Amino acid sequence: MTGEAERLLARVVQTCHGYPSQWDAWTVGGLYLFLHYRHGEGTVEHHPGPDIDTWTADSWNEGRSKLLARWDDGTSDGAISLSDFLGAAGLELAPGASIT
């Protein structure tokens, strides 16, 4: 993760509550991020938006989609709390962030 506007989340929506843990998130700078955790591995991906039909090979090739962070915590876990995910990913909630 680079700039502060990319690390501060203004809105987070949990899209899967079990295995895997995942969220849609928007930064204070307006970027859409897909947060995903499964088998002990967390990823933060930037995409054009939450519609997976926009996550095409072209979006990756043109830089509109990219992997921003990846880590493996050495477990095979599939569930993680949002706060633990954010800490491992180097992300933070902005003051007054919307979390659903």
PDB file of N, CA and C in Angstrom:
ATOM      1  N   MET A   1       0.862  -1.172   0.000  1.00  0.00           N
ATOM      2  CA  MET A   1       0.000   0.000   0.000  1.00  0.00           C
ATOM      3  C   MET A   1       0.905   1.230   0.000  1.00  0.00           C
ATOM      4  N   THR A   2       0.475   2.244  -0.676  1.00  0.00           N
ATOM      5  CA  THR A   2       1.332   3.421  -0.800  1.00  0.00           C
ATOM      6  C   THR A   2       0.778   4.619  -0.050  1.00  0.00           C
ATOM      7  N   GLY A   3       0.065   5.512  -0.711  1.00  0.00           N
ATOM      8  CA  GLY A   3      -0.366   6.756  -0.104  1.00  0.00           C
ATOM      9  C   GLY A   3      -1.434   6.589   0.966  1.00  0.00           C
ATOM     10  N   GLU A   4      -1.520   7.618   1.829  1.00  0.00           N
ATOM     11  CA  GLU A   4      -2.488   7.582   2.935  1.00  0.00           C
ATOM     12  C   GLU A   4      -3.922   7.456   2.435  1.00  0.00           C
ATOM     13  N   ALA A   5      -4.247   8.107   1.313  1.00  0.00           N
ATOM     14  CA  ALA A   5      -5.607   8.032   0.775  1.00  0.00           C
ATOM     15  C   ALA A   5      -5.960   6.614   0.342  1.00  0.00           C
ATOM     16  N   GLU A   6      -4.951   5.792   0.028  1.00  0.00           N
ATOM     17  CA  GLU A   6      -5.189   4.399  -0.336  1.00  0.00           C
ATOM     18  C   GLU A   6      -5.293   3.513   0.904  1.00  0.00           C
ATOM     19  N   ARG A   7      -4.797   3.966   2.036  1.00  0.00           N
ATOM     20  CA  ARG A   7      -4.800   3.149   3.265  1.00  0.00           C
ATOM     21  C   ARG A   7      -5.988   3.437   4.169  1.00  0.00           C
ATOM     22  N   LEU A   8      -6.622   4.590   4.013  1.00  0.00           N
ATOM     23  CA  LEU A   8      -7.744   4.971   4.868  1.00  0.00           C
ATOM     24  C   LEU A   8      -9.065   4.591   4.214  1.00  0.00           C
ATOM     25  N   LEU A   9      -9.846   3.778   4.913  1.00  0.00           N
ATOM     26  CA  LEU A   9     -11.108   3.312   4.366  1.00  0.00           C
ATOM     27  C   LEU A   9     -12.269   4.147   4.882  1.00  0.00           C
ATOM     28  N   ALA A  10     -13.082   4.631   3.943  1.00  0.00           N
ATOM     29  CA  ALA A  10     -14.245   5.440   4.287  1.00  0.00           C
ATOM     30  C   ALA A  10     -15.493   4.575   4.459  1.00  0.00           C
ATOM     31  N   ARG A  11     -15.545   3.462   3.734  1.00  0.00           N
ATOM     32  CA  ARG A  11     -16.723   2.581   3.770  1.00  0.00           C
ATOM     33  C   ARG A  11     -16.286   1.138   3.599  1.00  0.00           C
ATOM     34  N   VAL A  12     -16.847   0.236   4.417  1.00  0.00           N
ATOM     35  CA  VAL A  12     -16.541  -1.194   4.340  1.00  0.00           C
ATOM     36  C   VAL A  12     -17.845  -1.972   4.458  1.00  0.00           C
ATOM     37  N   VAL A  13     -18.050  -2.907   3.531  1.00  0.00           N
ATOM     38  CA  VAL A  13     -19.246  -3.749   3.538  1.00  0.00           C
ATOM     39  C   VAL A  13     -18.787  -5.206   3.533  1.00  0.00           C
ATOM     40  N   GLN A  14     -19.129  -5.946   4.583  1.00  0.00           N
ATOM     41  CA  GLN A  14     -18.758  -7.356   4.619  1.00  0.00           C
ATOM     42  C   GLN A  14     -19.674  -8.134   3.674  1.00  0.00           C
ATOM     43  N   THR A  15     -19.068  -8.847   2.719  1.00  0.00           N
ATOM     44  CA  THR A  15     -19.837  -9.572   1.714  1.00  0.00           C
ATOM     45  C   THR A  15     -19.879 -11.071   1.970  1.00  0.00           C
ATOM     46  N   CYS A  16     -19.031 -11.557   2.864  1.00  0.00           N
ATOM     47  CA  CYS A  16     -19.063 -12.960   3.266  1.00  0.00           C
ATOM     48  C   CYS A  16     -18.673 -13.016   4.735  1.00  0.00           C
ATOM     49  N   HIS A  17     -19.534 -13.604   5.558  1.00  0.00           N
ATOM     50  CA  HIS A  17     -19.307 -13.619   7.007  1.00  0.00           C
ATOM     51  C   HIS A  17     -18.640 -14.897   7.486  1.00  0.00           C
ATOM     52  N   GLY A  18     -18.477 -15.855   6.620  1.00  0.00           N
ATOM     53  CA  GLY A  18     -17.914 -17.131   7.033  1.00  0.00           C
ATOM     54  C   GLY A  18     -16.577 -17.384   6.385  1.00  0.00           C
ATOM     55  N   TYR A  19     -16.519 -18.451   5.700  1.00  0.00           N
ATOM     56  CA  TYR A  19     -15.292 -18.921   5.076  1.00  0.00           C
ATOM     57  C   TYR A  19     -15.444 -18.804   3.578  1.00  0.00           C
ATOM     58  N   PRO A  20     -14.801 -17.896   2.905  1.00  0.00           N
ATOM     59  CA  PRO A  20     -13.773 -16.972   3.380  1.00  0.00           C
ATOM     60  C   PRO A  20     -14.377 -15.698   3.978  1.00  0.00           C
ATOM     61  N   SER A  21     -13.532 -14.938   4.644  1.00  0.00           N
ATOM     62  CA  SER A  21     -13.924 -13.603   5.094  1.00  0.00           C
ATOM     63  C   SER A  21     -13.603 -12.649   3.949  1.00  0.00           C
ATOM     64  N   GLN A  22     -14.577 -11.812   3.587  1.00  0.00           N
ATOM     65  CA  GLN A  22     -14.292 -10.839   2.531  1.00  0.00           C
ATOM     66  C   GLN A  22     -15.183  -9.613   2.665  1.00  0.00           C
ATOM     67  N   TRP A  23     -14.649  -8.503   2.121  1.00  0.00           N
ATOM     68  CA  TRP A  23     -15.316  -7.215   2.212  1.00  0.00           C
ATOM     69  C   TRP A  23     -15.127  -6.442   0.909  1.00  0.00           C
ATOM     70  N   ASP A  24     -16.096  -5.582   0.603  1.00  0.00           N
ATOM     71  CA  ASP A  24     -15.927  -4.514  -0.376  1.00  0.00           C
ATOM     72  C   ASP A  24     -15.564  -3.285   0.440  1.00  0.00           C
ATOM     73  N   ALA A  25     -14.612  -2.496  -0.051  1.00  0.00           N
ATOM     74  CA  ALA A  25     -14.195  -1.307   0.688  1.00  0.00           C
ATOM     75  C   ALA A  25     -13.881  -0.173  -0.280  1.00  0.00           C
ATOM     76  N   TRP A  26     -14.108   1.033   0.191  1.00  0.00           N
ATOM     77  CA  TRP A  26     -13.800   2.237  -0.583  1.00  0.00           C
ATOM     78  C   TRP A  26     -12.907   3.119   0.263  1.00  0.00           C
ATOM     79  N   THR A  27     -11.843   3.614  -0.342  1.00  0.00           N
ATOM     80  CA  THR A  27     -10.906   4.480   0.374  1.00  0.00           C
ATOM     81  C   THR A  27     -11.440   5.909   0.404  1.00  0.00           C
ATOM     82  N   VAL A  28     -10.841   6.728   1.256  1.00  0.00           N
ATOM     83  CA  VAL A  28     -11.223   8.146   1.289  1.00  0.00           C
ATOM     84  C   VAL A  28     -10.898   8.821  -0.047  1.00  0.00           C
ATOM     85  N   GLY A  29      -9.977   8.253  -0.803  1.00  0.00           N
ATOM     86  CA  GLY A  29      -9.630   8.777  -2.117  1.00  0.00           C
ATOM     87  C   GLY A  29     -10.521   8.255  -3.236  1.00  0.00           C
ATOM     88  N   GLY A  30     -11.499   7.388  -2.890  1.00  0.00           N
ATOM     89  CA  GLY A  30     -12.462   6.903  -3.872  1.00  0.00           C
ATOM     90  C   GLY A  30     -12.125   5.595  -4.558  1.00  0.00           C
ATOM     91  N   LEU A  31     -11.015   4.962  -4.191  1.00  0.00           N
ATOM     92  CA  LEU A  31     -10.670   3.671  -4.792  1.00  0.00           C
ATOM     93  C   LEU A  31     -11.541   2.564  -4.217  1.00  0.00           C
ATOM     94  N   TYR A  32     -11.921   1.606  -5.076  1.00  0.00           N
ATOM     95  CA  TYR A  32     -12.616   0.406  -4.616  1.00  0.00           C
ATOM     96  C   TYR A  32     -11.567  -0.670  -4.345  1.00  0.00           C
ATOM     97  N   LEU A  33     -11.686  -1.314  -3.193  1.00  0.00           N
ATOM     98  CA  LEU A  33     -10.785  -2.404  -2.821  1.00  0.00           C
ATOM     99  C   LEU A  33     -11.587  -3.653  -2.489  1.00  0.00           C
ATOM    100  N   PHE A  34     -11.081  -4.798  -2.901  1.00  0.00           N
ATOM    101  CA  PHE A  34     -11.657  -6.091  -2.546  1.00  0.00           C
ATOM    102  C   PHE A  34     -10.724  -6.716  -1.516  1.00  0.00           C
ATOM    103  N   LEU A  35     -11.249  -6.959  -0.319  1.00  0.00           N
ATOM    104  CA  LEU A  35     -10.471  -7.536   0.783  1.00  0.00           C
ATOM    105  C   LEU A  35     -10.897  -8.988   0.941  1.00  0.00           C
ATOM    106  N   HIS A  36      -9.930  -9.912   0.927  1.00  0.00           N
ATOM    107  CA  HIS A  36     -10.253 -11.336   0.921  1.00  0.00           C
ATOM    108  C   HIS A  36      -9.273 -12.103   1.808  1.00  0.00           C
ATOM    109  N   TYR A  37      -9.806 -13.050   2.588  1.00  0.00           N
ATOM    110  CA  TYR A  37      -8.975 -13.872   3.477  1.00  0.00           C
ATOM    111  C   TYR A  37      -9.473 -15.312   3.417  1.00  0.00           C
ATOM    112  N   ARG A  38      -8.572 -16.235   3.041  1.00  0.00           N
ATOM    113  CA  ARG A  38      -8.918 -17.650   2.957  1.00  0.00           C
ATOM    114  C   ARG A  38      -7.648 -18.482   3.070  1.00  0.00           C
ATOM    115  N   HIS A  39      -7.745 -19.608   3.782  1.00  0.00           N
ATOM    116  CA  HIS A  39      -6.610 -20.517   3.986  1.00  0.00           C
ATOM    117  C   HIS A  39      -5.405 -19.791   4.579  1.00  0.00           C
ATOM    118  N   GLY A  40      -5.660 -18.800   5.445  1.00  0.00           N
ATOM    119  CA  GLY A  40      -4.570 -18.074   6.086  1.00  0.00           C
ATOM    120  C   GLY A  40      -3.920 -17.015   5.221  1.00  0.00           C
ATOM    121  N   GLU A  41      -4.436 -16.807   4.027  1.00  0.00           N
ATOM    122  CA  GLU A  41      -3.855 -15.816   3.119  1.00  0.00           C
ATOM    123  C   GLU A  41      -4.811 -14.651   2.925  1.00  0.00           C
ATOM    124  N   GLY A  42      -4.293 -13.459   3.114  1.00  0.00           N
ATOM    125  CA  GLY A  42      -5.072 -12.250   2.904  1.00  0.00           C
ATOM    126  C   GLY A  42      -4.596 -11.520   1.666  1.00  0.00           C
ATOM    127  N   THR A  43      -5.548 -10.933   0.944  1.00  0.00           N
ATOM    128  CA  THR A  43      -5.200 -10.125  -0.224  1.00  0.00           C
ATOM    129  C   THR A  43      -6.031  -8.849  -0.238  1.00  0.00           C
ATOM    130  N   VAL A  44      -5.439  -7.808  -0.765  1.00  0.00           N
ATOM    131  CA  VAL A  44      -6.119  -6.534  -1.018  1.00  0.00           C
ATOM    132  C   VAL A  44      -5.926  -6.254  -2.491  1.00  0.00           C
ATOM    133  N   GLU A  45      -7.038  -6.192  -3.220  1.00  0.00           N
ATOM    134  CA  GLU A  45      -6.987  -5.931  -4.650  1.00  0.00           C
ATOM    135  C   GLU A  45      -7.759  -4.650  -4.965  1.00  0.00           C
ATOM    136  N   HIS A  46      -7.213  -3.869  -5.877  1.00  0.00           N
ATOM    137  CA  HIS A  46      -7.912  -2.688  -6.395  1.00  0.00           C
ATOM    138  C   HIS A  46      -8.545  -3.083  -7.721  1.00  0.00           C
ATOM    139  N   HIS A  47      -9.823  -2.766  -7.896  1.00  0.00           N
ATOM    140  CA  HIS A  47     -10.551  -3.043  -9.131  1.00  0.00           C
ATOM    141  C   HIS A  47     -11.371  -1.813  -9.501  1.00  0.00           C
ATOM    142  N   PRO A  48     -11.892  -1.767 -10.753  1.00  0.00           N
ATOM    143  CA  PRO A  48     -12.709  -0.626 -11.166  1.00  0.00           C
ATOM    144  C   PRO A  48     -13.947  -0.423 -10.288  1.00  0.00           C
ATOM    145  N   GLY A  49     -14.492  -1.484  -9.736  1.00  0.00           N
ATOM    146  CA  GLY A  49     -15.675  -1.394  -8.881  1.00  0.00           C
ATOM    147  C   GLY A  49     -16.056  -2.771  -8.379  1.00  0.00           C
ATOM    148  N   PRO A  50     -17.120  -2.860  -7.586  1.00  0.00           N
ATOM    149  CA  PRO A  50     -17.498  -4.140  -6.989  1.00  0.00           C
ATOM    150  C   PRO A  50     -18.133  -5.143  -7.960  1.00  0.00           C
ATOM    151  N   ASP A  51     -18.489  -4.719  -9.162  1.00  0.00           N
ATOM    152  CA  ASP A  51     -19.068  -5.621 -10.155  1.00  0.00           C
ATOM    153  C   ASP A  51     -17.952  -6.486 -10.742  1.00  0.00           C
ATOM    154  N   ILE A  52     -17.954  -7.789 -10.401  1.00  0.00           N
ATOM    155  CA  ILE A  52     -16.853  -8.657 -10.837  1.00  0.00           C
ATOM    156  C   ILE A  52     -16.759  -8.785 -12.361  1.00  0.00           C
ATOM    157  N   ASP A  53     -17.809  -8.428 -13.069  1.00  0.00           N
ATOM    158  CA  ASP A  53     -17.734  -8.447 -14.532  1.00  0.00           C
ATOM    159  C   ASP A  53     -16.747  -7.415 -15.065  1.00  0.00           C
ATOM    160  N   THR A  54     -16.361  -6.434 -14.241  1.00  0.00           N
ATOM    161  CA  THR A  54     -15.373  -5.434 -14.658  1.00  0.00           C
ATOM    162  C   THR A  54     -13.939  -5.892 -14.381  1.00  0.00           C
ATOM    163  N   TRP A  55     -13.795  -7.026 -13.701  1.00  0.00           N
ATOM    164  CA  TRP A  55     -12.461  -7.522 -13.340  1.00  0.00           C
ATOM    165  C   TRP A  55     -11.949  -8.430 -14.458  1.00  0.00           C
ATOM    166  N   THR A  56     -11.649  -7.857 -15.580  1.00  0.00           N
ATOM    167  CA  THR A  56     -11.266  -8.603 -16.761  1.00  0.00           C
ATOM    168  C   THR A  56      -9.754  -8.647 -16.918  1.00  0.00           C
ATOM    169  N   ALA A  57      -9.303  -9.479 -17.847  1.00  0.00           N
ATOM    170  CA  ALA A  57      -7.876  -9.507 -18.163  1.00  0.00           C
ATOM    171  C   ALA A  57      -7.418  -8.128 -18.624  1.00  0.00           C
ATOM    172  N   ASP A  58      -8.268  -7.438 -19.380  1.00  0.00           N
ATOM    173  CA  ASP A  58      -7.904  -6.089 -19.829  1.00  0.00           C
ATOM    174  C   ASP A  58      -7.724  -5.139 -18.655  1.00  0.00           C
ATOM    175  N   SER A  59      -8.603  -5.243 -17.632  1.00  0.00           N
ATOM    176  CA  SER A  59      -8.462  -4.333 -16.488  1.00  0.00           C
ATOM    177  C   SER A  59      -7.139  -4.582 -15.766  1.00  0.00           C
ATOM    178  N   TRP A  60      -6.691  -5.840 -15.704  1.00  0.00           N
ATOM    179  CA  TRP A  60      -5.385  -6.152 -15.105  1.00  0.00           C
ATOM    180  C   TRP A  60      -4.258  -5.635 -16.001  1.00  0.00           C
ATOM    181  N   ASN A  61      -4.354  -5.902 -17.304  1.00  0.00           N
ATOM    182  CA  ASN A  61      -3.304  -5.488 -18.240  1.00  0.00           C
ATOM    183  C   ASN A  61      -3.176  -3.978 -18.334  1.00  0.00           C
ATOM    184  N   GLU A  62      -4.283  -3.276 -18.183  1.00  0.00           N
ATOM    185  CA  GLU A  62      -4.280  -1.812 -18.296  1.00  0.00           C
ATOM    186  C   GLU A  62      -4.042  -1.121 -16.958  1.00  0.00           C
ATOM    187  N   GLY A  63      -3.849  -1.872 -15.882  1.00  0.00           N
ATOM    188  CA  GLY A  63      -3.562  -1.296 -14.576  1.00  0.00           C
ATOM    189  C   GLY A  63      -4.772  -0.804 -13.812  1.00  0.00           C
ATOM    190  N   ARG A  64      -5.992  -1.064 -14.321  1.00  0.00           N
ATOM    191  CA  ARG A  64      -7.202  -0.667 -13.590  1.00  0.00           C
ATOM    192  C   ARG A  64      -7.505  -1.655 -12.470  1.00  0.00           C
ATOM    193  N   SER A  65      -6.910  -2.839 -12.523  1.00  0.00           N
ATOM    194  CA  SER A  65      -6.968  -3.819 -11.444  1.00  0.00           C
ATOM    195  C   SER A  65      -5.536  -4.150 -11.064  1.00  0.00           C
ATOM    196  N   LYS A  66      -5.290  -4.278  -9.759  1.00  0.00           N
ATOM    197  CA  LYS A  66      -3.942  -4.658  -9.332  1.00  0.00           C
ATOM    198  C   LYS A  66      -3.979  -5.184  -7.914  1.00  0.00           C
ATOM    199  N   LEU A  67      -3.018  -6.029  -7.620  1.00  0.00           N
ATOM    200  CA  LEU A  67      -2.833  -6.566  -6.273  1.00  0.00           C
ATOM    201  C   LEU A  67      -2.041  -5.544  -5.471  1.00  0.00           C
ATOM    202  N   LEU A  68      -2.616  -5.092  -4.350  1.00  0.00           N
ATOM    203  CA  LEU A  68      -1.949  -4.086  -3.523  1.00  0.00           C
ATOM    204  C   LEU A  68      -1.222  -4.700  -2.331  1.00  0.00           C
ATOM    205  N   ALA A  69      -1.735  -5.817  -1.814  1.00  0.00           N
ATOM    206  CA  ALA A  69      -1.100  -6.454  -0.655  1.00  0.00           C
ATOM    207  C   ALA A  69      -1.480  -7.924  -0.622  1.00  0.00           C
ATOM    208  N   ARG A  70      -0.540  -8.740  -0.148  1.00  0.00           N
ATOM    209  CA  ARG A  70      -0.784 -10.168   0.053  1.00  0.00           C
ATOM    210  C   ARG A  70       0.088 -10.628   1.218  1.00  0.00           C
ATOM    211  N   TRP A  71      -0.490 -11.436   2.091  1.00  0.00           N
ATOM    212  CA  TRP A  71       0.285 -12.018   3.176  1.00  0.00           C
ATOM    213  C   TRP A  71      -0.288 -13.383   3.513  1.00  0.00           C
ATOM    214  N   ASP A  72       0.524 -14.187   4.163  1.00  0.00           N
ATOM    215  CA  ASP A  72       0.124 -15.510   4.633  1.00  0.00           C
ATOM    216  C   ASP A  72       0.494 -15.573   6.102  1.00  0.00           C
ATOM    217  N   ASP A  73      -0.504 -15.848   6.941  1.00  0.00           N
ATOM    218  CA  ASP A  73      -0.230 -15.865   8.382  1.00  0.00           C
ATOM    219  C   ASP A  73       0.191 -17.244   8.894  1.00  0.00           C
ATOM    220  N   GLY A  74       0.379 -18.206   7.996  1.00  0.00           N
ATOM    221  CA  GLY A  74       0.865 -19.523   8.392  1.00  0.00           C
ATOM    222  C   GLY A  74      -0.200 -20.448   8.956  1.00  0.00           C
ATOM    223  N   THR A  75      -1.455 -20.037   8.888  1.00  0.00           N
ATOM    224  CA  THR A  75      -2.541 -20.891   9.362  1.00  0.00           C
ATOM    225  C   THR A  75      -3.334 -21.369   8.149  1.00  0.00           C
ATOM    226  N   SER A  76      -4.318 -22.160   8.393  1.00  0.00           N
ATOM    227  CA  SER A  76      -5.238 -22.531   7.312  1.00  0.00           C
ATOM    228  C   SER A  76      -6.616 -21.934   7.582  1.00  0.00           C
ATOM    229  N   ASP A  77      -6.636 -20.883   8.408  1.00  0.00           N
ATOM    230  CA  ASP A  77      -7.897 -20.254   8.794  1.00  0.00           C
ATOM    231  C   ASP A  77      -8.608 -19.641   7.586  1.00  0.00           C
ATOM    232  N   GLY A  78      -9.919 -19.523   7.719  1.00  0.00           N
ATOM    233  CA  GLY A  78     -10.709 -18.902   6.674  1.00  0.00           C
ATOM    234  C   GLY A  78     -11.502 -17.726   7.178  1.00  0.00           C
ATOM    235  N   ALA A  79     -11.479 -17.513   8.486  1.00  0.00           N
ATOM    236  CA  ALA A  79     -12.221 -16.399   9.075  1.00  0.00           C
ATOM    237  C   ALA A  79     -11.247 -15.494   9.818  1.00  0.00           C
ATOM    238  N   ILE A  80     -11.497 -14.189   9.700  1.00  0.00           N
ATOM    239  CA  ILE A  80     -10.667 -13.194  10.375  1.00  0.00           C
ATOM    240  C   ILE A  80     -11.560 -11.991  10.658  1.00  0.00           C
ATOM    241  N   SER A  81     -11.276 -11.308  11.743  1.00  0.00           N
ATOM    242  CA  SER A  81     -12.043 -10.093  12.036  1.00  0.00           C
ATOM    243  C   SER A  81     -11.562  -8.964  11.129  1.00  0.00           C
ATOM    244  N   LEU A  82     -12.419  -7.986  10.929  1.00  0.00           N
ATOM    245  CA  LEU A  82     -12.041  -6.841  10.114  1.00  0.00           C
ATOM    246  C   LEU A  82     -10.830  -6.134  10.717  1.00  0.00           C
ATOM    247  N   SER A  83     -10.813  -5.951  12.029  1.00  0.00           N
ATOM    248  CA  SER A  83      -9.687  -5.236  12.643  1.00  0.00           C
ATOM    249  C   SER A  83      -8.375  -5.991  12.458  1.00  0.00           C
ATOM    250  N   ASP A  84      -8.402  -7.325  12.587  1.00  0.00           N
ATOM    251  CA  ASP A  84      -7.183  -8.108  12.366  1.00  0.00           C
ATOM    252  C   ASP A  84      -6.751  -8.053  10.902  1.00  0.00           C
ATOM    253  N   PHE A  85      -7.725  -8.116   9.989  1.00  0.00           N
ATOM    254  CA  PHE A  85      -7.406  -8.027   8.571  1.00  0.00           C
ATOM    255  C   PHE A  85      -6.748  -6.683   8.266  1.00  0.00           C
ATOM    256  N   LEU A  86      -7.355  -5.600   8.731  1.00  0.00           N
ATOM    257  CA  LEU A  86      -6.823  -4.268   8.454  1.00  0.00           C
ATOM    258  C   LEU A  86      -5.403  -4.119   8.991  1.00  0.00           C
ATOM    259  N   GLY A  87      -5.161  -4.624  10.197  1.00  0.00           N
ATOM    260  CA  GLY A  87      -3.830  -4.547  10.782  1.00  0.00           C
ATOM    261  C   GLY A  87      -2.795  -5.283   9.943  1.00  0.00           C
ATOM    262  N   ALA A  88      -3.144  -6.489   9.484  1.00  0.00           N
ATOM    263  CA  ALA A  88      -2.213  -7.277   8.676  1.00  0.00           C
ATOM    264  C   ALA A  88      -1.986  -6.651   7.300  1.00  0.00           C
ATOM    265  N   ALA A  89      -3.005  -5.985   6.779  1.00  0.00           N
ATOM    266  CA  ALA A  89      -2.922  -5.397   5.438  1.00  0.00           C
ATOM    267  C   ALA A  89      -2.342  -3.989   5.429  1.00  0.00           C
ATOM    268  N   GLY A  90      -2.180  -3.382   6.591  1.00  0.00           N
ATOM    269  CA  GLY A  90      -1.685  -2.013   6.642  1.00  0.00           C
ATOM    270  C   GLY A  90      -2.740  -0.983   6.291  1.00  0.00           C
ATOM    271  N   LEU A  91      -4.009  -1.339   6.521  1.00  0.00           N
ATOM    272  CA  LEU A  91      -5.126  -0.434   6.250  1.00  0.00           C
ATOM    273  C   LEU A  91      -5.685   0.109   7.553  1.00  0.00           C
ATOM    274  N   GLU A  92      -6.391   1.229   7.473  1.00  0.00           N
ATOM    275  CA  GLU A  92      -7.026   1.832   8.655  1.00  0.00           C
ATOM    276  C   GLU A  92      -8.408   2.344   8.277  1.00  0.00           C
ATOM    277  N   LEU A  93      -9.271   2.406   9.272  1.00  0.00           N
ATOM    278  CA  LEU A  93     -10.571   3.037   9.088  1.00  0.00           C
ATOM    279  C   LEU A  93     -10.423   4.537   9.288  1.00  0.00           C
ATOM    280  N   ALA A  94     -11.014   5.302   8.410  1.00  0.00           N
ATOM    281  CA  ALA A  94     -11.035   6.749   8.561  1.00  0.00           C
ATOM    282  C   ALA A  94     -12.001   7.110   9.684  1.00  0.00           C
ATOM    283  N   PRO A  95     -11.808   8.238  10.362  1.00  0.00           N
ATOM    284  CA  PRO A  95     -12.771   8.652  11.373  1.00  0.00           C
ATOM    285  C   PRO A  95     -14.162   8.733  10.754  1.00  0.00           C
ATOM    286  N   GLY A  96     -15.144   8.143  11.428  1.00  0.00           N
ATOM    287  CA  GLY A  96     -16.513   8.152  10.958  1.00  0.00           C
ATOM    288  C   GLY A  96     -16.794   7.194   9.810  1.00  0.00           C
ATOM    289  N   ALA A  97     -15.897   6.245   9.565  1.00  0.00           N
ATOM    290  CA  ALA A  97     -16.092   5.293   8.469  1.00  0.00           C
ATOM    291  C   ALA A  97     -17.390   4.512   8.653  1.00  0.00           C
ATOM    292  N   SER A  98     -18.037   4.199   7.537  1.00  0.00           N
ATOM    293  CA  SER A  98     -19.253   3.400   7.522  1.00  0.00           C
ATOM    294  C   SER A  98     -18.874   1.932   7.419  1.00  0.00           C
ATOM    295  N   ILE A  99     -19.348   1.115   8.376  1.00  0.00           N
ATOM    296  CA  ILE A  99     -19.060  -0.323   8.371  1.00  0.00           C
ATOM    297  C   ILE A  99     -20.389  -1.067   8.458  1.00  0.00           C
ATOM    298  N   THR A 100     -20.655  -1.922   7.458  1.00  0.00           N
ATOM    299  CA  THR A 100     -21.874  -2.734   7.466  1.00  0.00           C
ATOM    300  C   THR A 100     -21.532  -4.163   7.142  1.00  0.00           C
TER     301      THR A 100
END
